[in-house]
Amino acid sequence: MFQMRKTAALVITSVFAASTLLSASAQSTTKSLSSNFTLVNLVSGANNGQIQYVLQDGSEWRASETFSLNGIGDLVIKRQYSDAQLSPNSGSVVVSTDGPIGAVVQIQARGQTPTSGAYVGVSEGAASANVPLVSRQGSSLSGETNSQIIIQNASSQQIDVKVDLIDSTTGNVSLTKNFPDINPNASVEYDLDTEAGLPTGWFGSASVTSETAGGQVAVVSNFFTGDNAMQTFNAFTKVGTSWLVPLFTSRLGNQSGNPLSTPIAVQNVSGAEIPIGGVTLTCKRDPSAPSTEEPTLTRTNSTPIKNTASFFFNPAPDTSGYPEQWYGACSISSGSANTAVFVQMRFVGGDRAGAYEGILGSGTNTTLVVPLYAKILDNGFASAITIQNLNTTTAANVTLTYKKDPGAPAELDCDEIFTGKVIQPGGSLIQNMRIESGANSVPEIPNNCSGSLTVTSDQPIDGFVQFDFLRDSGDGFMAHNVFTLP
């Protein structure tokens, strides 16, 4: 796990350095996982920081290290798999800095059939966190499903943690799991595949709560499907009644050979049942979408949603309810009922999968920072960035500033500024660096460039990033949210 503290701090819930990592602690995957993370400066001036690595018992994993950043968008990348001071193991990280920073963590099975996921570091813990989707030995169009929940103590005291696992059908708590005496900054891994208290084929949601007064947790979930696919996402510590999804796709054909669909999970955290029709999904088709059906797509929940249970808008199996080759930006309204929303990105029938958290529609920030972009690197690694206008009535005028990674080839000009870009009300702008030409491409950025992206706007904005290892079999696909500033 990764935590950011401020003086400031950032929490990285799960950090892996080894080639024999999960064999002893998890069964959801038998693969060996490793990690790296990117830190990006969110202030205009100098920003100095310290990185602490913590084993699961709370002890020091390796000596702490320092770093310095200069100017907004400056970045540093730390690769745990090549750090000689880290013994083969898993644990967590705390990053303390003079001012705000952002971080994105990548988890990968290196040197094997790829499995990968990504998530953003947590700037502060919370007394409780919600996970909209968890499973034990379930079935899906992409194979068996299992979940791993990683919980970090983000407070300065030892805490006890309770995990309630809520059945998706009944809304009842199927099992309560207790984790006592978690040391400060330490993390625990809860693998549902080995949980004998849950039946085979179980699906539901989870609520993670500190049972110790004043205790804070940071939570990340890994959702595994089949032999190779993994979706990594942050649990929710904030809830709301209005959410935005920058990219919703329905059986969209692309370079993978498997259709890309984005099931949306809506977890009811209102304290009462949400009736049929209480949640509305409204999507605007992107002008470049292959489909010409339904310029505006509207759907509602067809069944009641019990408190703490989830409902899914799922175009993957619903071939009659959603048009094929369709994509666009969406909003989700739940009236006065609080919900949490997350999005799966599934290349159905294949291994590749990712996930990102829905965006609260109440956001007011007008600057967005992406810690890492990549334009078709030599190893096939590339990114696609989606920027959403949170204002549903007024167009957003945005400026995009690309800043070169110091580790990028010296001969390449990776710095670029784009002005005059317009995002329609409630719409999104895609910067697709996985392609060299065509709709949403960025031909001005040369191949093999990497760095950070800062977007400024006259309207509130937010977004998310997709990463892809284009030349790999298995799951080389991952996604994560971005960072926003006033």
Foldseek 3Di string as FASTA:
>chain_A
DAQQQVCWKWKFQKAFAAQQECCVPEDLARGHKHKKKKKWDQDAAKKKKKKFWAEQQGDGQFDIDIDMAGGGFAMDMGGRHPDPRGDGYMKMMMMYMNDDMKMKMKMWRPPDQIEIAMEIIHRAFAQKFKFQKAAAQAQDLQATKWKKKKKFWQDQAFFKKKKFWAFQPPRHGQDIDIDGGGHHGTMGIDTRNPVPSDDRNTMWMMMMGTPDPPIGMWMKMWMAGDRFYIAIETTGPDWDFKWKDQKAAAQADDDPRFGKGKKKKKFFQQQAKQAWQQKKKWWAWDPPFPDPPDRIQIDTFHGIGGHRHIDIPTNHVCPPRDDHSTMWMMMMGRDHTIIWMKMKIDSRNFQAIYIEGIGGLPDWFFKWKFSKAAQLAPQQKGKKKKKWFSAQQDKKWKKKWFDFHPPFDPVFDQTDIDGRDIAHRGTMQMDGRSDCDDPNYDVVGDHRTMGMMMMGIPGDMWIKMKMANSPGGHYRIYMYTTDGDD
